[in-house]
Amino acid sequence: MATSEINENTNANANANENGSSSGEPSNLSVRAAAATVYYPVAPGQQVNVRRGPNTGSQIVRVLPEDSRVAIRCQTRGETITGPYGTTDIWDSIAPGQYVSDAYVKTGSDGFVTIRCS
């Protein structure tokens, strides 16, 4: 199942809060934003192609290594793909212009788990 992860390697100098404090403590805003990020595992033993668009005809921009975890920014419909987690036309945007088929991401759902891409 998905877990929330907070990046513990945050540079203390980058954590100044709205009042200008640079005590090394993260601001409430940065803690809330980090806690809201959910990372989902890709299918075990799979290297997953990351594509420019939500279809296999789109350019491969990189390949996720085995045992990767991804944060899903938004989801959209695209080409229907069959993978380890079923058959779906849902694609996950993991960064601007970077999509992976939801058939390779363990979200725990057959439907949308976050907002739709605009």
PDB file of N, CA and C in Angstrom:
ATOM      1  N   MET A   1       0.839  -1.174   0.000  1.00  0.00           N
ATOM      2  CA  MET A   1       0.000   0.000   0.000  1.00  0.00           C
ATOM      3  C   MET A   1       0.886   1.239   0.000  1.00  0.00           C
ATOM      4  N   ALA A   2       0.365   2.344  -0.391  1.00  0.00           N
ATOM      5  CA  ALA A   2       1.114   3.585  -0.497  1.00  0.00           C
ATOM      6  C   ALA A   2       1.418   4.154   0.880  1.00  0.00           C
ATOM      7  N   THR A   3       2.576   4.758   0.991  1.00  0.00           N
ATOM      8  CA  THR A   3       2.941   5.432   2.227  1.00  0.00           C
ATOM      9  C   THR A   3       3.391   6.826   1.915  1.00  0.00           C
ATOM     10  N   SER A   4       3.220   7.720   2.876  1.00  0.00           N
ATOM     11  CA  SER A   4       3.718   9.081   2.716  1.00  0.00           C
ATOM     12  C   SER A   4       5.158   9.103   3.168  1.00  0.00           C
ATOM     13  N   GLU A   5       5.966   9.816   2.444  1.00  0.00           N
ATOM     14  CA  GLU A   5       7.368   9.925   2.790  1.00  0.00           C
ATOM     15  C   GLU A   5       7.741  11.390   2.834  1.00  0.00           C
ATOM     16  N   ILE A   6       8.552  11.757   3.806  1.00  0.00           N
ATOM     17  CA  ILE A   6       9.050  13.114   3.904  1.00  0.00           C
ATOM     18  C   ILE A   6      10.539  13.067   3.637  1.00  0.00           C
ATOM     19  N   ASN A   7      11.003  13.928   2.761  1.00  0.00           N
ATOM     20  CA  ASN A   7      12.415  13.975   2.432  1.00  0.00           C
ATOM     21  C   ASN A   7      13.179  14.490   3.630  1.00  0.00           C
ATOM     22  N   GLU A   8      14.011  13.626   4.236  1.00  0.00           N
ATOM     23  CA  GLU A   8      14.747  14.009   5.426  1.00  0.00           C
ATOM     24  C   GLU A   8      16.070  14.681   5.097  1.00  0.00           C
ATOM     25  N   ASN A   9      16.399  14.767   3.826  1.00  0.00           N
ATOM     26  CA  ASN A   9      17.660  15.375   3.433  1.00  0.00           C
ATOM     27  C   ASN A   9      17.488  16.822   3.031  1.00  0.00           C
ATOM     28  N   THR A  10      16.523  17.500   3.634  1.00  0.00           N
ATOM     29  CA  THR A  10      16.253  18.891   3.300  1.00  0.00           C
ATOM     30  C   THR A  10      17.358  19.772   3.855  1.00  0.00           C
ATOM     31  N   ASN A  11      17.840  20.677   3.047  1.00  0.00           N
ATOM     32  CA  ASN A  11      18.856  21.614   3.476  1.00  0.00           C
ATOM     33  C   ASN A  11      18.241  22.581   4.466  1.00  0.00           C
ATOM     34  N   ALA A  12      18.811  22.687   5.670  1.00  0.00           N
ATOM     35  CA  ALA A  12      18.249  23.527   6.726  1.00  0.00           C
ATOM     36  C   ALA A  12      18.156  24.978   6.284  1.00  0.00           C
ATOM     37  N   ASN A  13      19.074  25.438   5.475  1.00  0.00           N
ATOM     38  CA  ASN A  13      19.037  26.825   5.031  1.00  0.00           C
ATOM     39  C   ASN A  13      17.877  27.102   4.094  1.00  0.00           C
ATOM     40  N   ALA A  14      17.323  26.074   3.472  1.00  0.00           N
ATOM     41  CA  ALA A  14      16.215  26.253   2.541  1.00  0.00           C
ATOM     42  C   ALA A  14      14.868  26.212   3.247  1.00  0.00           C
ATOM     43  N   ASN A  15      14.902  26.024   4.563  1.00  0.00           N
ATOM     44  CA  ASN A  15      13.664  25.861   5.305  1.00  0.00           C
ATOM     45  C   ASN A  15      13.244  27.097   6.075  1.00  0.00           C
ATOM     46  N   ALA A  16      13.608  28.248   5.639  1.00  0.00           N
ATOM     47  CA  ALA A  16      13.171  29.456   6.331  1.00  0.00           C
ATOM     48  C   ALA A  16      11.659  29.553   6.234  1.00  0.00           C
ATOM     49  N   ASN A  17      11.019  29.855   7.365  1.00  0.00           N
ATOM     50  CA  ASN A  17       9.561  29.974   7.324  1.00  0.00           C
ATOM     51  C   ASN A  17       9.139  31.359   6.874  1.00  0.00           C
ATOM     52  N   GLU A  18       7.844  31.587   6.854  1.00  0.00           N
ATOM     53  CA  GLU A  18       7.324  32.854   6.364  1.00  0.00           C
ATOM     54  C   GLU A  18       7.847  34.050   7.156  1.00  0.00           C
ATOM     55  N   ASN A  19       8.275  33.848   8.398  1.00  0.00           N
ATOM     56  CA  ASN A  19       8.786  34.933   9.230  1.00  0.00           C
ATOM     57  C   ASN A  19      10.274  35.144   9.050  1.00  0.00           C
ATOM     58  N   GLY A  20      10.898  34.404   8.151  1.00  0.00           N
ATOM     59  CA  GLY A  20      12.317  34.568   7.889  1.00  0.00           C
ATOM     60  C   GLY A  20      13.203  33.751   8.799  1.00  0.00           C
ATOM     61  N   SER A  21      12.651  32.893   9.593  1.00  0.00           N
ATOM     62  CA  SER A  21      13.449  32.076  10.497  1.00  0.00           C
ATOM     63  C   SER A  21      14.239  31.061   9.701  1.00  0.00           C
ATOM     64  N   SER A  22      15.493  30.888  10.079  1.00  0.00           N
ATOM     65  CA  SER A  22      16.308  29.851   9.444  1.00  0.00           C
ATOM     66  C   SER A  22      16.918  28.986  10.524  1.00  0.00           C
ATOM     67  N   SER A  23      16.099  28.576  11.474  1.00  0.00           N
ATOM     68  CA  SER A  23      16.546  27.815  12.630  1.00  0.00           C
ATOM     69  C   SER A  23      16.906  26.374  12.291  1.00  0.00           C
ATOM     70  N   GLY A  24      16.710  25.976  11.064  1.00  0.00           N
ATOM     71  CA  GLY A  24      16.950  24.584  10.702  1.00  0.00           C
ATOM     72  C   GLY A  24      15.688  23.751  10.799  1.00  0.00           C
ATOM     73  N   GLU A  25      14.646  24.274  11.424  1.00  0.00           N
ATOM     74  CA  GLU A  25      13.374  23.579  11.520  1.00  0.00           C
ATOM     75  C   GLU A  25      12.546  23.891  10.287  1.00  0.00           C
ATOM     76  N   PRO A  26      11.902  22.890   9.666  1.00  0.00           N
ATOM     77  CA  PRO A  26      11.056  23.170   8.507  1.00  0.00           C
ATOM     78  C   PRO A  26       9.842  23.981   8.925  1.00  0.00           C
ATOM     79  N   SER A  27       9.386  24.850   8.041  1.00  0.00           N
ATOM     80  CA  SER A  27       8.179  25.621   8.316  1.00  0.00           C
ATOM     81  C   SER A  27       6.976  24.705   8.270  1.00  0.00           C
ATOM     82  N   ASN A  28       5.886  25.129   8.870  1.00  0.00           N
ATOM     83  CA  ASN A  28       4.647  24.345   8.820  1.00  0.00           C
ATOM     84  C   ASN A  28       4.220  24.091   7.392  1.00  0.00           C
ATOM     85  N   LEU A  29       4.388  25.083   6.519  1.00  0.00           N
ATOM     86  CA  LEU A  29       3.998  24.949   5.128  1.00  0.00           C
ATOM     87  C   LEU A  29       4.793  23.847   4.433  1.00  0.00           C
ATOM     88  N   SER A  30       6.114  23.816   4.637  1.00  0.00           N
ATOM     89  CA  SER A  30       6.920  22.800   3.954  1.00  0.00           C
ATOM     90  C   SER A  30       6.644  21.408   4.500  1.00  0.00           C
ATOM     91  N   VAL A  31       6.350  21.281   5.784  1.00  0.00           N
ATOM     92  CA  VAL A  31       6.021  19.981   6.360  1.00  0.00           C
ATOM     93  C   VAL A  31       4.702  19.480   5.800  1.00  0.00           C
ATOM     94  N   ARG A  32       3.690  20.366   5.706  1.00  0.00           N
ATOM     95  CA  ARG A  32       2.395  19.950   5.144  1.00  0.00           C
ATOM     96  C   ARG A  32       2.548  19.524   3.694  1.00  0.00           C
ATOM     97  N   ALA A  33       3.314  20.261   2.904  1.00  0.00           N
ATOM     98  CA  ALA A  33       3.492  19.925   1.490  1.00  0.00           C
ATOM     99  C   ALA A  33       4.207  18.595   1.344  1.00  0.00           C
ATOM    100  N   ALA A  34       5.248  18.372   2.144  1.00  0.00           N
ATOM    101  CA  ALA A  34       5.999  17.119   2.059  1.00  0.00           C
ATOM    102  C   ALA A  34       5.144  15.946   2.510  1.00  0.00           C
ATOM    103  N   ALA A  35       4.357  16.134   3.569  1.00  0.00           N
ATOM    104  CA  ALA A  35       3.535  15.050   4.085  1.00  0.00           C
ATOM    105  C   ALA A  35       2.432  14.667   3.106  1.00  0.00           C
ATOM    106  N   ALA A  36       2.017  15.581   2.244  1.00  0.00           N
ATOM    107  CA  ALA A  36       0.949  15.313   1.298  1.00  0.00           C
ATOM    108  C   ALA A  36       1.426  14.513   0.081  1.00  0.00           C
ATOM    109  N   THR A  37       2.719  14.407  -0.120  1.00  0.00           N
ATOM    110  CA  THR A  37       3.248  13.684  -1.261  1.00  0.00           C
ATOM    111  C   THR A  37       3.216  12.183  -0.978  1.00  0.00           C
ATOM    112  N   VAL A  38       2.539  11.452  -1.856  1.00  0.00           N
ATOM    113  CA  VAL A  38       2.437  10.004  -1.723  1.00  0.00           C
ATOM    114  C   VAL A  38       3.269   9.377  -2.830  1.00  0.00           C
ATOM    115  N   TYR A  39       4.090   8.399  -2.480  1.00  0.00           N
ATOM    116  CA  TYR A  39       4.922   7.693  -3.442  1.00  0.00           C
ATOM    117  C   TYR A  39       4.381   6.286  -3.629  1.00  0.00           C
ATOM    118  N   TYR A  40       4.202   5.894  -4.899  1.00  0.00           N
ATOM    119  CA  TYR A  40       3.668   4.588  -5.239  1.00  0.00           C
ATOM    120  C   TYR A  40       4.766   3.735  -5.868  1.00  0.00           C
ATOM    121  N   PRO A  41       4.837   2.451  -5.509  1.00  0.00           N
ATOM    122  CA  PRO A  41       5.860   1.586  -6.109  1.00  0.00           C
ATOM    123  C   PRO A  41       5.488   1.158  -7.523  1.00  0.00           C
ATOM    124  N   VAL A  42       6.510   1.050  -8.370  1.00  0.00           N
ATOM    125  CA  VAL A  42       6.288   0.453  -9.684  1.00  0.00           C
ATOM    126  C   VAL A  42       6.372  -1.055  -9.511  1.00  0.00           C
ATOM    127  N   ALA A  43       5.881  -1.789 -10.474  1.00  0.00           N
ATOM    128  CA  ALA A  43       5.833  -3.247 -10.384  1.00  0.00           C
ATOM    129  C   ALA A  43       7.230  -3.821 -10.111  1.00  0.00           C
ATOM    130  N   PRO A  44       7.317  -4.759  -9.166  1.00  0.00           N
ATOM    131  CA  PRO A  44       8.620  -5.347  -8.828  1.00  0.00           C
ATOM    132  C   PRO A  44       9.268  -6.009 -10.037  1.00  0.00           C
ATOM    133  N   GLY A  45      10.567  -5.830 -10.147  1.00  0.00           N
ATOM    134  CA  GLY A  45      11.321  -6.460 -11.223  1.00  0.00           C
ATOM    135  C   GLY A  45      11.130  -5.819 -12.583  1.00  0.00           C
ATOM    136  N   GLN A  46      10.466  -4.665 -12.632  1.00  0.00           N
ATOM    137  CA  GLN A  46      10.186  -3.998 -13.906  1.00  0.00           C
ATOM    138  C   GLN A  46      10.990  -2.711 -14.035  1.00  0.00           C
ATOM    139  N   GLN A  47      11.529  -2.487 -15.211  1.00  0.00           N
ATOM    140  CA  GLN A  47      12.058  -1.186 -15.576  1.00  0.00           C
ATOM    141  C   GLN A  47      10.958  -0.553 -16.414  1.00  0.00           C
ATOM    142  N   VAL A  48      10.489   0.622 -16.016  1.00  0.00           N
ATOM    143  CA  VAL A  48       9.308   1.209 -16.630  1.00  0.00           C
ATOM    144  C   VAL A  48       9.683   2.409 -17.491  1.00  0.00           C
ATOM    145  N   ASN A  49       9.199   2.390 -18.730  1.00  0.00           N
ATOM    146  CA  ASN A  49       9.434   3.512 -19.637  1.00  0.00           C
ATOM    147  C   ASN A  49       8.615   4.724 -19.207  1.00  0.00           C
ATOM    148  N   VAL A  50       9.263   5.877 -19.172  1.00  0.00           N
ATOM    149  CA  VAL A  50       8.594   7.148 -18.916  1.00  0.00           C
ATOM    150  C   VAL A  50       8.498   7.837 -20.269  1.00  0.00           C
ATOM    151  N   ARG A  51       7.284   8.200 -20.660  1.00  0.00           N
ATOM    152  CA  ARG A  51       7.055   8.738 -22.002  1.00  0.00           C
ATOM    153  C   ARG A  51       6.591  10.188 -21.971  1.00  0.00           C
ATOM    154  N   ARG A  52       6.796  10.862 -23.084  1.00  0.00           N
ATOM    155  CA  ARG A  52       6.438  12.275 -23.229  1.00  0.00           C
ATOM    156  C   ARG A  52       4.916  12.481 -23.162  1.00  0.00           C
ATOM    157  N   GLY A  53       4.148  11.489 -23.568  1.00  0.00           N
ATOM    158  CA  GLY A  53       2.690  11.569 -23.557  1.00  0.00           C
ATOM    159  C   GLY A  53       2.084  10.253 -23.109  1.00  0.00           C
ATOM    160  N   PRO A  54       0.754  10.182 -22.945  1.00  0.00           N
ATOM    161  CA  PRO A  54       0.080   8.991 -22.419  1.00  0.00           C
ATOM    162  C   PRO A  54      -0.197   7.915 -23.467  1.00  0.00           C
ATOM    163  N   ASN A  55       0.857   7.517 -24.185  1.00  0.00           N
ATOM    164  CA  ASN A  55       0.717   6.438 -25.168  1.00  0.00           C
ATOM    165  C   ASN A  55       2.101   5.906 -25.532  1.00  0.00           C
ATOM    166  N   THR A  56       2.130   4.682 -26.052  1.00  0.00           N
ATOM    167  CA  THR A  56       3.411   4.048 -26.374  1.00  0.00           C
ATOM    168  C   THR A  56       4.057   4.625 -27.622  1.00  0.00           C
ATOM    169  N   GLY A  57       3.338   5.436 -28.371  1.00  0.00           N
ATOM    170  CA  GLY A  57       3.920   6.114 -29.524  1.00  0.00           C
ATOM    171  C   GLY A  57       4.718   7.350 -29.146  1.00  0.00           C
ATOM    172  N   SER A  58       4.570   7.792 -27.905  1.00  0.00           N
ATOM    173  CA  SER A  58       5.299   8.974 -27.435  1.00  0.00           C
ATOM    174  C   SER A  58       6.747   8.622 -27.120  1.00  0.00           C
ATOM    175  N   GLN A  59       7.600   9.604 -27.286  1.00  0.00           N
ATOM    176  CA  GLN A  59       9.034   9.442 -27.050  1.00  0.00           C
ATOM    177  C   GLN A  59       9.300   8.986 -25.615  1.00  0.00           C
ATOM    178  N   ILE A  60      10.242   8.048 -25.447  1.00  0.00           N
ATOM    179  CA  ILE A  60      10.706   7.642 -24.120  1.00  0.00           C
ATOM    180  C   ILE A  60      11.692   8.708 -23.654  1.00  0.00           C
ATOM    181  N   VAL A  61      11.419   9.309 -22.487  1.00  0.00           N
ATOM    182  CA  VAL A  61      12.298  10.358 -21.969  1.00  0.00           C
ATOM    183  C   VAL A  61      13.286   9.827 -20.941  1.00  0.00           C
ATOM    184  N   ARG A  62      12.936   8.709 -20.311  1.00  0.00           N
ATOM    185  CA  ARG A  62      13.842   8.028 -19.381  1.00  0.00           C
ATOM    186  C   ARG A  62      13.230   6.688 -19.012  1.00  0.00           C
ATOM    187  N   VAL A  63      13.983   5.877 -18.296  1.00  0.00           N
ATOM    188  CA  VAL A  63      13.506   4.575 -17.849  1.00  0.00           C
ATOM    189  C   VAL A  63      13.670   4.511 -16.336  1.00  0.00           C
ATOM    190  N   LEU A  64      12.583   4.178 -15.635  1.00  0.00           N
ATOM    191  CA  LEU A  64      12.665   4.033 -14.187  1.00  0.00           C
ATOM    192  C   LEU A  64      13.334   2.702 -13.864  1.00  0.00           C
ATOM    193  N   PRO A  65      14.303   2.699 -12.973  1.00  0.00           N
ATOM    194  CA  PRO A  65      14.948   1.438 -12.599  1.00  0.00           C
ATOM    195  C   PRO A  65      14.016   0.562 -11.756  1.00  0.00           C
ATOM    196  N   GLU A  66      14.371  -0.706 -11.614  1.00  0.00           N
ATOM    197  CA  GLU A  66      13.599  -1.624 -10.780  1.00  0.00           C
ATOM    198  C   GLU A  66      13.465  -1.055  -9.373  1.00  0.00           C
ATOM    199  N   ASP A  67      12.344  -1.367  -8.741  1.00  0.00           N
ATOM    200  CA  ASP A  67      12.068  -0.963  -7.355  1.00  0.00           C
ATOM    201  C   ASP A  67      11.940   0.543  -7.167  1.00  0.00           C
ATOM    202  N   SER A  68      11.580   1.261  -8.230  1.00  0.00           N
ATOM    203  CA  SER A  68      11.355   2.705  -8.119  1.00  0.00           C
ATOM    204  C   SER A  68      10.031   2.981  -7.441  1.00  0.00           C
ATOM    205  N   ARG A  69       9.914   4.187  -6.907  1.00  0.00           N
ATOM    206  CA  ARG A  69       8.666   4.706  -6.355  1.00  0.00           C
ATOM    207  C   ARG A  69       8.439   6.054  -7.019  1.00  0.00           C
ATOM    208  N   VAL A  70       7.177   6.359  -7.333  1.00  0.00           N
ATOM    209  CA  VAL A  70       6.874   7.604  -8.031  1.00  0.00           C
ATOM    210  C   VAL A  70       5.778   8.380  -7.313  1.00  0.00           C
ATOM    211  N   ALA A  71       5.899   9.690  -7.377  1.00  0.00           N
ATOM    212  CA  ALA A  71       4.833  10.577  -6.914  1.00  0.00           C
ATOM    213  C   ALA A  71       3.996  10.912  -8.144  1.00  0.00           C
ATOM    214  N   ILE A  72       2.695  10.788  -8.034  1.00  0.00           N
ATOM    215  CA  ILE A  72       1.797  11.062  -9.157  1.00  0.00           C
ATOM    216  C   ILE A  72       1.256  12.484  -9.017  1.00  0.00           C
ATOM    217  N   ARG A  73       1.597  13.347  -9.987  1.00  0.00           N
ATOM    218  CA  ARG A  73       1.124  14.744  -9.997  1.00  0.00           C
ATOM    219  C   ARG A  73      -0.353  14.824 -10.362  1.00  0.00           C
ATOM    220  N   CYS A  74      -0.721  14.056 -11.390  1.00  0.00           N
ATOM    221  CA  CYS A  74      -2.089  14.021 -11.888  1.00  0.00           C
ATOM    222  C   CYS A  74      -2.209  12.791 -12.781  1.00  0.00           C
ATOM    223  N   GLN A  75      -3.436  12.479 -13.199  1.00  0.00           N
ATOM    224  CA  GLN A  75      -3.685  11.320 -14.059  1.00  0.00           C
ATOM    225  C   GLN A  75      -4.573  11.721 -15.227  1.00  0.00           C
ATOM    226  N   THR A  76      -4.412  10.981 -16.331  1.00  0.00           N
ATOM    227  CA  THR A  76      -5.206  11.250 -17.524  1.00  0.00           C
ATOM    228  C   THR A  76      -5.490   9.937 -18.244  1.00  0.00           C
ATOM    229  N   ARG A  77      -6.418   9.974 -19.147  1.00  0.00           N
ATOM    230  CA  ARG A  77      -6.695   8.798 -19.974  1.00  0.00           C
ATOM    231  C   ARG A  77      -5.814   8.828 -21.216  1.00  0.00           C
ATOM    232  N   GLY A  78      -5.434   7.655 -21.677  1.00  0.00           N
ATOM    233  CA  GLY A  78      -4.600   7.540 -22.870  1.00  0.00           C
ATOM    234  C   GLY A  78      -4.769   6.160 -23.462  1.00  0.00           C
ATOM    235  N   GLU A  79      -3.710   5.655 -24.060  1.00  0.00           N
ATOM    236  CA  GLU A  79      -3.723   4.320 -24.670  1.00  0.00           C
ATOM    237  C   GLU A  79      -3.958   3.252 -23.608  1.00  0.00           C
ATOM    238  N   THR A  80      -4.743   2.235 -23.955  1.00  0.00           N
ATOM    239  CA  THR A  80      -4.990   1.121 -23.043  1.00  0.00           C
ATOM    240  C   THR A  80      -3.773   0.195 -23.032  1.00  0.00           C
ATOM    241  N   ILE A  81      -3.297  -0.099 -21.820  1.00  0.00           N
ATOM    242  CA  ILE A  81      -2.094  -0.911 -21.618  1.00  0.00           C
ATOM    243  C   ILE A  81      -2.424  -2.045 -20.654  1.00  0.00           C
ATOM    244  N   THR A  82      -1.844  -3.217 -20.897  1.00  0.00           N
ATOM    245  CA  THR A  82      -1.927  -4.334 -19.963  1.00  0.00           C
ATOM    246  C   THR A  82      -0.564  -4.512 -19.318  1.00  0.00           C
ATOM    247  N   GLY A  83      -0.561  -4.587 -17.993  1.00  0.00           N
ATOM    248  CA  GLY A  83       0.684  -4.741 -17.256  1.00  0.00           C
ATOM    249  C   GLY A  83       0.449  -5.570 -16.007  1.00  0.00           C
ATOM    250  N   PRO A  84       1.407  -5.564 -15.095  1.00  0.00           N
ATOM    251  CA  PRO A  84       1.311  -6.372 -13.877  1.00  0.00           C
ATOM    252  C   PRO A  84       0.095  -6.042 -13.004  1.00  0.00           C
ATOM    253  N   TYR A  85      -0.409  -4.819 -13.098  1.00  0.00           N
ATOM    254  CA  TYR A  85      -1.547  -4.421 -12.271  1.00  0.00           C
ATOM    255  C   TYR A  85      -2.834  -4.286 -13.070  1.00  0.00           C
ATOM    256  N   GLY A  86      -2.938  -5.052 -14.166  1.00  0.00           N
ATOM    257  CA  GLY A  86      -4.180  -5.099 -14.920  1.00  0.00           C
ATOM    258  C   GLY A  86      -4.127  -4.344 -16.234  1.00  0.00           C
ATOM    259  N   THR A  87      -5.301  -4.146 -16.805  1.00  0.00           N
ATOM    260  CA  THR A  87      -5.448  -3.431 -18.068  1.00  0.00           C
ATOM    261  C   THR A  87      -6.147  -2.111 -17.775  1.00  0.00           C
ATOM    262  N   THR A  88      -5.550  -1.011 -18.261  1.00  0.00           N
ATOM    263  CA  THR A  88      -6.091   0.307 -17.971  1.00  0.00           C
ATOM    264  C   THR A  88      -5.718   1.310 -19.053  1.00  0.00           C
ATOM    265  N   ASP A  89      -6.525   2.354 -19.137  1.00  0.00           N
ATOM    266  CA  ASP A  89      -6.177   3.470 -20.026  1.00  0.00           C
ATOM    267  C   ASP A  89      -5.755   4.696 -19.200  1.00  0.00           C
ATOM    268  N   ILE A  90      -5.536   4.496 -17.906  1.00  0.00           N
ATOM    269  CA  ILE A  90      -5.084   5.590 -17.041  1.00  0.00           C
ATOM    270  C   ILE A  90      -3.559   5.688 -17.098  1.00  0.00           C
ATOM    271  N   TRP A  91      -3.081   6.910 -17.262  1.00  0.00           N
ATOM    272  CA  TRP A  91      -1.648   7.197 -17.265  1.00  0.00           C
ATOM    273  C   TRP A  91      -1.359   8.192 -16.153  1.00  0.00           C
ATOM    274  N   ASP A  92      -0.236   7.983 -15.484  1.00  0.00           N
ATOM    275  CA  ASP A  92       0.173   8.809 -14.355  1.00  0.00           C
ATOM    276  C   ASP A  92       1.235   9.805 -14.793  1.00  0.00           C
ATOM    277  N   SER A  93       1.000  11.076 -14.527  1.00  0.00           N
ATOM    278  CA  SER A  93       2.001  12.102 -14.796  1.00  0.00           C
ATOM    279  C   SER A  93       2.895  12.195 -13.566  1.00  0.00           C
ATOM    280  N   ILE A  94       4.180  11.906 -13.734  1.00  0.00           N
ATOM    281  CA  ILE A  94       5.103  11.923 -12.599  1.00  0.00           C
ATOM    282  C   ILE A  94       5.980  13.170 -12.592  1.00  0.00           C
ATOM    283  N   ALA A  95       5.932  13.930 -13.659  1.00  0.00           N
ATOM    284  CA  ALA A  95       6.635  15.213 -13.794  1.00  0.00           C
ATOM    285  C   ALA A  95       6.067  15.857 -15.056  1.00  0.00           C
ATOM    286  N   PRO A  96       6.263  17.145 -15.238  1.00  0.00           N
ATOM    287  CA  PRO A  96       5.743  17.764 -16.466  1.00  0.00           C
ATOM    288  C   PRO A  96       6.264  17.053 -17.720  1.00  0.00           C
ATOM    289  N   GLY A  97       5.344  16.614 -18.569  1.00  0.00           N
ATOM    290  CA  GLY A  97       5.718  15.924 -19.800  1.00  0.00           C
ATOM    291  C   GLY A  97       6.298  14.537 -19.599  1.00  0.00           C
ATOM    292  N   GLN A  98       5.980  13.896 -18.450  1.00  0.00           N
ATOM    293  CA  GLN A  98       6.490  12.549 -18.166  1.00  0.00           C
ATOM    294  C   GLN A  98       5.355  11.674 -17.643  1.00  0.00           C
ATOM    295  N   TYR A  99       5.044  10.615 -18.412  1.00  0.00           N
ATOM    296  CA  TYR A  99       3.913   9.738 -18.098  1.00  0.00           C
ATOM    297  C   TYR A  99       4.339   8.280 -18.040  1.00  0.00           C
ATOM    298  N   VAL A 100       3.713   7.545 -17.113  1.00  0.00           N
ATOM    299  CA  VAL A 100       3.868   6.089 -17.054  1.00  0.00           C
ATOM    300  C   VAL A 100       2.468   5.486 -16.999  1.00  0.00           C
ATOM    301  N   SER A 101       2.305   4.308 -17.590  1.00  0.00           N
ATOM    302  CA  SER A 101       1.007   3.648 -17.540  1.00  0.00           C
ATOM    303  C   SER A 101       0.718   3.210 -16.113  1.00  0.00           C
ATOM    304  N   ASP A 102      -0.509   3.448 -15.669  1.00  0.00           N
ATOM    305  CA  ASP A 102      -0.936   3.041 -14.332  1.00  0.00           C
ATOM    306  C   ASP A 102      -0.935   1.524 -14.186  1.00  0.00           C
ATOM    307  N   ALA A 103      -0.865   0.790 -15.289  1.00  0.00           N
ATOM    308  CA  ALA A 103      -0.793  -0.673 -15.241  1.00  0.00           C
ATOM    309  C   ALA A 103       0.522  -1.147 -14.625  1.00  0.00           C
ATOM    310  N   TYR A 104       1.494  -0.250 -14.489  1.00  0.00           N
ATOM    311  CA  TYR A 104       2.796  -0.583 -13.915  1.00  0.00           C
ATOM    312  C   TYR A 104       3.038   0.087 -12.567  1.00  0.00           C
ATOM    313  N   VAL A 105       2.008   0.764 -12.031  1.00  0.00           N
ATOM    314  CA  VAL A 105       2.145   1.471 -10.756  1.00  0.00           C
ATOM    315  C   VAL A 105       1.117   0.919  -9.775  1.00  0.00           C
ATOM    316  N   LYS A 106       1.571   0.526  -8.592  1.00  0.00           N
ATOM    317  CA  LYS A 106       0.666  -0.057  -7.595  1.00  0.00           C
ATOM    318  C   LYS A 106       0.028   1.054  -6.765  1.00  0.00           C
ATOM    319  N   THR A 107      -1.168   1.482  -7.222  1.00  0.00           N
ATOM    320  CA  THR A 107      -1.889   2.539  -6.512  1.00  0.00           C
ATOM    321  C   THR A 107      -2.935   1.975  -5.560  1.00  0.00           C
ATOM    322  N   GLY A 108      -3.251   0.682  -5.704  1.00  0.00           N
ATOM    323  CA  GLY A 108      -4.280   0.082  -4.868  1.00  0.00           C
ATOM    324  C   GLY A 108      -5.688   0.344  -5.383  1.00  0.00           C
ATOM    325  N   SER A 109      -5.785   0.863  -6.608  1.00  0.00           N
ATOM    326  CA  SER A 109      -7.090   1.194  -7.174  1.00  0.00           C
ATOM    327  C   SER A 109      -7.082   0.936  -8.684  1.00  0.00           C
ATOM    328  N   ASP A 110      -8.254   0.605  -9.212  1.00  0.00           N
ATOM    329  CA  ASP A 110      -8.413   0.465 -10.653  1.00  0.00           C
ATOM    330  C   ASP A 110      -8.817   1.790 -11.297  1.00  0.00           C
ATOM    331  N   GLY A 111      -9.055   2.804 -10.472  1.00  0.00           N
ATOM    332  CA  GLY A 111      -9.498   4.108 -10.969  1.00  0.00           C
ATOM    333  C   GLY A 111      -8.488   5.194 -10.648  1.00  0.00           C
ATOM    334  N   PHE A 112      -8.951   6.431 -10.759  1.00  0.00           N
ATOM    335  CA  PHE A 112      -8.111   7.575 -10.475  1.00  0.00           C
ATOM    336  C   PHE A 112      -7.860   7.685  -8.963  1.00  0.00           C
ATOM    337  N   VAL A 113      -6.630   8.021  -8.586  1.00  0.00           N
ATOM    338  CA  VAL A 113      -6.294   8.198  -7.174  1.00  0.00           C
ATOM    339  C   VAL A 113      -5.912   9.636  -6.855  1.00  0.00           C
ATOM    340  N   THR A 114      -5.882  10.495  -7.865  1.00  0.00           N
ATOM    341  CA  THR A 114      -5.553  11.903  -7.672  1.00  0.00           C
ATOM    342  C   THR A 114      -6.285  12.718  -8.722  1.00  0.00           C
ATOM    343  N   ILE A 115      -5.964  13.987  -8.814  1.00  0.00           N
ATOM    344  CA  ILE A 115      -6.645  14.870  -9.765  1.00  0.00           C
ATOM    345  C   ILE A 115      -6.339  14.480 -11.204  1.00  0.00           C
ATOM    346  N   ARG A 116      -7.218  14.875 -12.088  1.00  0.00           N
ATOM    347  CA  ARG A 116      -6.989  14.666 -13.523  1.00  0.00           C
ATOM    348  C   ARG A 116      -6.106  15.782 -14.056  1.00  0.00           C
ATOM    349  N   CYS A 117      -5.239  15.421 -14.981  1.00  0.00           N
ATOM    350  CA  CYS A 117      -4.381  16.417 -15.621  1.00  0.00           C
ATOM    351  C   CYS A 117      -5.236  17.330 -16.471  1.00  0.00           C
ATOM    352  N   SER A 118      -4.868  18.599 -16.497  1.00  0.00           N
ATOM    353  CA  SER A 118      -5.650  19.553 -17.317  1.00  0.00           C
ATOM    354  C   SER A 118      -5.049  19.705 -18.693  1.00  0.00           C
TER     355      SER A 118
END
